[in-house]
Amino acid sequence: MKGNPRTSSFDRRSRSVVAAILVAAGILAPPFVLSSCGVKPPEIASVEWRIESRPRPEGSKADNSLNMYESLSVFGSIKDDAGLDNISELWIVHDASCLAWKLTDADWTKTSSGEDIWIGTSALATPELGSLPRGDYRMIAIDAAGARAELGFTVAGEFPEKTPPRIAYGNGTLSVHSDWPETLALAFDEAGALITSVAAPTAASSLSDEFGKDIALRTTEIGAYGYDPTLQMGSFSRRITTR
């Protein structure tokens, strides 16, 4: 799980303690004060999010029949006159539950789309691996000088009653079955890192046909991901080994 989930709302006492900590850190304080006069803060132009269901780790306690939990993927289009390397911290905060994640360059991912640079991460989850709270969130970007920018976004909607994509592999071929509007086949290396993703095949096919020969030779696990763009929600299959 990426990021550092500081807490979730276990009880009234824990929430008040965590709220006090976040206020002291300036995360829950209503206005942000720049660290010095003349410092221009970064800017968050927009935020994109997804709610995704993921298989629980083997042996963990399930709270649903599919043994899944919810995670949040969130990216912000961030600008800073001093360059994006000047951004030192990124926070994702849900004030109502006192749930917050602190991210640094060790945690986040940068991606580009045209002239925009997006910074964020995926797989943010509650400590107990349950459902994520809906409602208002905030993304906060802090630069090396302590100048801050903030943009709110709202996570809404019930997770669809769809099973995760199902993937099978045998005799050198893979097949994917999915009820999601969009589905990808995923290839992972021996370290568990994602190598590539492609549109899921509609019929059984070889790894080489789907991923290419070079990537197929590096692939030790495969999985699938289904996504509904109208809901901004998706679901991962459990991975299976290929050798």
Protein backbone atom coordinates (compact mmCIF):
# COMPACT_ATOMS: atom_id res chain seq x y z
CA MET A 1 0.00 0.00 0.00
CA LYS A 2 1.56 3.30 -1.08
CA GLY A 3 1.56 6.40 1.04
CA ASN A 4 1.30 6.76 4.76
CA PRO A 5 -2.27 6.49 6.07
CA ARG A 6 -2.05 8.45 9.28
CA THR A 7 -5.32 7.23 10.77
CA SER A 8 -8.99 6.50 10.27
CA SER A 9 -12.01 7.07 12.48
CA PHE A 10 -11.79 4.23 14.98
CA ASP A 11 -13.50 6.10 17.85
CA ARG A 12 -14.18 9.61 19.12
CA ARG A 13 -11.03 9.80 21.25
CA SER A 14 -8.67 8.68 18.49
CA ARG A 15 -10.30 11.13 16.09
CA SER A 16 -9.82 14.07 18.45
CA VAL A 17 -6.16 13.16 19.07
CA VAL A 18 -5.45 12.84 15.35
CA ALA A 19 -7.29 16.08 14.61
CA ALA A 20 -5.10 17.89 17.12
CA ILE A 21 -1.97 16.48 15.46
CA LEU A 22 -3.12 17.52 12.00
CA VAL A 23 -4.08 21.01 13.17
CA ALA A 24 -0.62 21.38 14.74
CA ALA A 25 0.89 20.36 11.40
CA GLY A 26 -1.25 22.93 9.59
CA ILE A 27 -3.16 20.31 7.64
CA LEU A 28 -6.58 20.95 9.21
CA ALA A 29 -6.11 24.67 9.77
CA PRO A 30 -8.66 26.54 7.59
CA PRO A 31 -6.36 29.13 5.97
CA PHE A 32 -2.80 28.50 4.84
CA VAL A 33 -0.22 31.18 5.66
CA LEU A 34 2.83 31.41 3.43
CA SER A 35 6.13 30.83 5.18
CA SER A 36 7.50 34.23 4.10
CA CYS A 37 6.41 37.31 2.18
CA GLY A 38 6.91 37.15 -1.55
CA VAL A 39 6.86 33.37 -1.75
CA LYS A 40 4.60 32.26 -4.58
CA PRO A 41 2.80 29.04 -3.70
CA PRO A 42 2.43 26.09 -6.06
CA GLU A 43 -0.82 25.66 -7.93
CA ILE A 44 -3.11 22.63 -8.21
CA ALA A 45 -5.06 23.09 -11.44
CA SER A 46 -7.26 19.98 -11.14
CA VAL A 47 -7.57 16.61 -9.43
CA GLU A 48 -8.58 13.24 -10.89
CA TRP A 49 -9.57 10.26 -8.73
CA ARG A 50 -10.66 6.63 -8.94
CA ILE A 51 -12.05 4.20 -6.39
CA GLU A 52 -10.76 0.68 -7.03
CA SER A 53 -11.39 -2.67 -5.41
CA ARG A 54 -8.41 -4.93 -4.78
CA PRO A 55 -7.98 -8.48 -3.47
CA ARG A 56 -7.17 -8.57 0.22
CA PRO A 57 -3.79 -10.08 1.16
CA GLU A 58 -3.92 -13.80 1.77
CA GLY A 59 -4.98 -14.57 5.31
CA SER A 60 -6.50 -11.14 6.04
CA LYS A 61 -9.98 -10.86 7.50
CA ALA A 62 -12.65 -10.16 4.89
CA ASP A 63 -15.64 -7.86 5.34
CA ASN A 64 -17.35 -8.98 2.14
CA SER A 65 -17.95 -12.20 0.25
CA LEU A 66 -15.47 -11.32 -2.50
CA ASN A 67 -12.61 -10.74 -0.05
CA MET A 68 -11.91 -7.31 -1.57
CA TYR A 69 -11.15 -3.85 -0.19
CA GLU A 70 -11.37 -0.33 -1.59
CA SER A 71 -8.42 1.87 -2.53
CA LEU A 72 -8.12 5.43 -3.83
CA SER A 73 -6.09 6.52 -6.85
CA VAL A 74 -5.64 10.30 -6.98
CA PHE A 75 -3.52 12.59 -9.16
CA GLY A 76 -3.24 16.36 -9.28
CA SER A 77 -2.15 18.61 -12.14
CA ILE A 78 0.42 20.67 -10.23
CA LYS A 79 2.45 23.70 -11.28
CA ASP A 80 5.30 25.46 -9.48
CA ASP A 81 7.37 28.36 -10.82
CA ALA A 82 10.48 26.82 -9.26
CA GLY A 83 9.82 23.47 -10.95
CA LEU A 84 8.02 20.38 -9.71
CA ASP A 85 11.19 19.13 -8.03
CA ASN A 86 10.48 21.95 -5.57
CA ILE A 87 7.37 20.12 -4.30
CA SER A 88 8.32 18.36 -1.07
CA GLU A 89 5.03 16.96 0.25
CA LEU A 90 1.61 16.01 -1.01
CA TRP A 91 -1.27 15.37 1.38
CA ILE A 92 -4.63 13.72 0.71
CA VAL A 93 -7.05 14.55 3.53
CA HIS A 94 -10.61 13.49 4.40
CA ASP A 95 -11.47 15.87 7.25
CA ALA A 96 -14.72 14.25 8.35
CA SER A 97 -12.98 10.99 9.29
CA CYS A 98 -9.57 12.49 10.20
CA LEU A 99 -8.04 10.27 7.54
CA ALA A 100 -4.89 11.62 5.89
CA TRP A 101 -2.02 10.36 3.76
CA LYS A 102 1.33 12.12 3.51
CA LEU A 103 3.24 11.52 0.26
CA THR A 104 6.78 12.42 -0.76
CA ASP A 105 8.77 11.78 -3.92
CA ALA A 106 9.47 8.30 -2.54
CA ASP A 107 5.74 7.54 -2.74
CA TRP A 108 4.25 9.48 -5.63
CA THR A 109 4.30 8.94 -9.36
CA LYS A 110 4.70 11.64 -12.01
CA THR A 111 2.99 11.32 -15.36
CA SER A 112 2.52 13.75 -18.24
CA SER A 113 -0.48 14.48 -20.46
CA GLY A 114 0.27 17.07 -23.11
CA GLU A 115 1.83 20.03 -21.33
CA ASP A 116 0.40 19.05 -17.94
CA ILE A 117 2.35 17.14 -15.30
CA TRP A 118 0.31 15.05 -12.87
CA ILE A 119 1.57 13.93 -9.47
CA GLY A 120 -0.19 11.35 -7.33
CA THR A 121 -0.40 7.75 -6.33
CA SER A 122 -2.70 4.75 -6.23
CA ALA A 123 -3.69 2.10 -3.70
CA LEU A 124 -4.32 4.52 -0.82
CA ALA A 125 -6.44 2.63 1.70
CA THR A 126 -7.65 2.74 5.28
CA PRO A 127 -5.49 0.94 7.86
CA GLU A 128 -8.16 -1.73 8.32
CA LEU A 129 -8.55 -2.27 4.55
CA GLY A 130 -12.22 -1.43 4.50
CA SER A 131 -14.45 0.82 2.42
CA LEU A 132 -13.20 4.34 1.79
CA PRO A 133 -15.29 7.23 3.12
CA ARG A 134 -17.19 9.21 0.52
CA GLY A 135 -17.53 12.97 0.54
CA ASP A 136 -15.15 15.89 0.45
CA TYR A 137 -11.37 15.39 0.25
CA ARG A 138 -8.52 17.87 -0.14
CA MET A 139 -5.23 17.64 -1.98
CA ILE A 140 -2.51 19.83 -0.45
CA ALA A 141 0.83 20.49 -2.15
CA ILE A 142 3.70 21.92 -0.09
CA ASP A 143 6.94 23.20 -1.60
CA ALA A 144 10.43 23.37 -0.12
CA ALA A 145 9.81 26.91 1.18
CA GLY A 146 6.65 25.84 2.98
CA ALA A 147 4.29 27.56 0.54
CA ARG A 148 1.10 25.58 0.02
CA ALA A 149 -1.70 25.06 -2.45
CA GLU A 150 -4.99 23.26 -1.86
CA LEU A 151 -7.80 21.96 -4.03
CA GLY A 152 -10.87 20.07 -2.89
CA PHE A 153 -12.52 17.16 -4.68
CA THR A 154 -15.52 14.99 -3.92
CA VAL A 155 -15.54 11.19 -3.98
CA ALA A 156 -19.07 9.92 -4.52
CA GLY A 157 -21.02 6.90 -5.64
CA GLU A 158 -21.71 3.33 -4.59
CA PHE A 159 -19.36 0.69 -5.89
CA PRO A 160 -21.05 -1.26 -8.70
CA GLU A 161 -22.25 -4.79 -8.10
CA LYS A 162 -19.77 -6.32 -10.50
CA THR A 163 -17.38 -9.14 -9.80
CA PRO A 164 -13.69 -8.47 -10.42
CA PRO A 165 -12.32 -9.56 -13.80
CA ARG A 166 -11.39 -13.24 -13.88
CA ILE A 167 -8.17 -14.42 -15.50
CA ALA A 168 -7.03 -17.94 -16.31
CA TYR A 169 -3.77 -19.33 -17.65
CA GLY A 170 -2.90 -22.80 -18.86
CA ASN A 171 -1.11 -24.59 -21.69
CA GLY A 172 0.66 -21.35 -22.56
CA THR A 173 -2.50 -19.31 -23.12
CA LEU A 174 -4.40 -16.74 -21.08
CA SER A 175 -8.07 -15.83 -21.08
CA VAL A 176 -9.89 -12.95 -19.41
CA HIS A 177 -13.58 -12.75 -18.51
CA SER A 178 -15.00 -9.40 -17.43
CA ASP A 179 -18.31 -7.58 -17.00
CA TRP A 180 -16.59 -4.16 -16.91
CA PRO A 181 -16.92 -1.69 -19.83
CA GLU A 182 -13.12 -1.53 -20.20
CA THR A 183 -10.68 -4.30 -19.26
CA LEU A 184 -6.90 -4.56 -19.38
CA ALA A 185 -4.60 -7.57 -19.14
CA LEU A 186 -1.61 -6.87 -16.86
CA ALA A 187 1.92 -8.33 -16.93
CA PHE A 188 4.17 -8.27 -13.84
CA ASP A 189 7.85 -9.16 -13.45
CA GLU A 190 9.44 -11.34 -10.76
CA ALA A 191 9.70 -8.33 -8.42
CA GLY A 192 5.95 -7.76 -8.69
CA ALA A 193 6.31 -4.55 -10.74
CA LEU A 194 3.87 -3.85 -13.57
CA ILE A 195 5.65 -4.24 -16.92
CA THR A 196 2.81 -3.41 -19.28
CA SER A 197 -0.95 -3.38 -19.74
CA VAL A 198 -2.91 -4.09 -22.91
CA ALA A 199 -6.55 -4.37 -23.88
CA ALA A 200 -7.75 -7.73 -22.58
CA PRO A 201 -8.07 -10.41 -25.27
CA THR A 202 -11.55 -11.48 -26.30
CA ALA A 203 -10.39 -15.06 -26.84
CA ALA A 204 -7.68 -17.26 -25.35
CA SER A 205 -4.25 -16.27 -26.64
CA SER A 206 -0.57 -16.62 -25.81
CA LEU A 207 1.43 -14.20 -23.67
CA SER A 208 3.63 -13.43 -26.69
CA ASP A 209 0.62 -12.52 -28.81
CA GLU A 210 -0.74 -10.19 -26.14
CA PHE A 211 2.37 -8.64 -24.59
CA GLY A 212 5.08 -9.25 -27.19
CA LYS A 213 7.81 -11.89 -27.03
CA ASP A 214 10.33 -9.90 -24.96
CA ILE A 215 7.81 -8.91 -22.29
CA ALA A 216 6.32 -12.42 -22.24
CA LEU A 217 9.75 -13.81 -21.32
CA ARG A 218 9.96 -11.38 -18.38
CA THR A 219 6.42 -12.01 -17.15
CA THR A 220 6.02 -14.13 -14.03
CA GLU A 221 2.52 -13.00 -12.96
CA ILE A 222 -0.55 -11.84 -14.83
CA GLY A 223 -3.73 -10.10 -13.76
CA ALA A 224 -6.61 -8.05 -15.10
CA TYR A 225 -8.18 -4.67 -14.39
CA GLY A 226 -11.75 -3.64 -15.19
CA TYR A 227 -12.85 -0.01 -15.27
CA ASP A 228 -16.06 1.99 -15.63
CA PRO A 229 -15.14 5.55 -16.72
CA THR A 230 -18.62 6.92 -16.03
CA LEU A 231 -18.34 5.91 -12.36
CA GLN A 232 -14.58 6.52 -11.98
CA MET A 233 -14.37 3.07 -10.41
CA GLY A 234 -12.49 -0.10 -11.25
CA SER A 235 -11.51 -3.53 -9.97
CA PHE A 236 -8.37 -5.68 -9.99
CA SER A 237 -8.31 -9.46 -10.28
CA ARG A 238 -6.09 -11.56 -8.09
CA ARG A 239 -2.78 -12.25 -9.80
CA ILE A 240 -1.79 -15.71 -10.97
CA THR A 241 1.70 -17.02 -11.72
CA THR A 242 2.80 -18.08 -15.20
CA ARG A 243 5.80 -20.15 -14.12
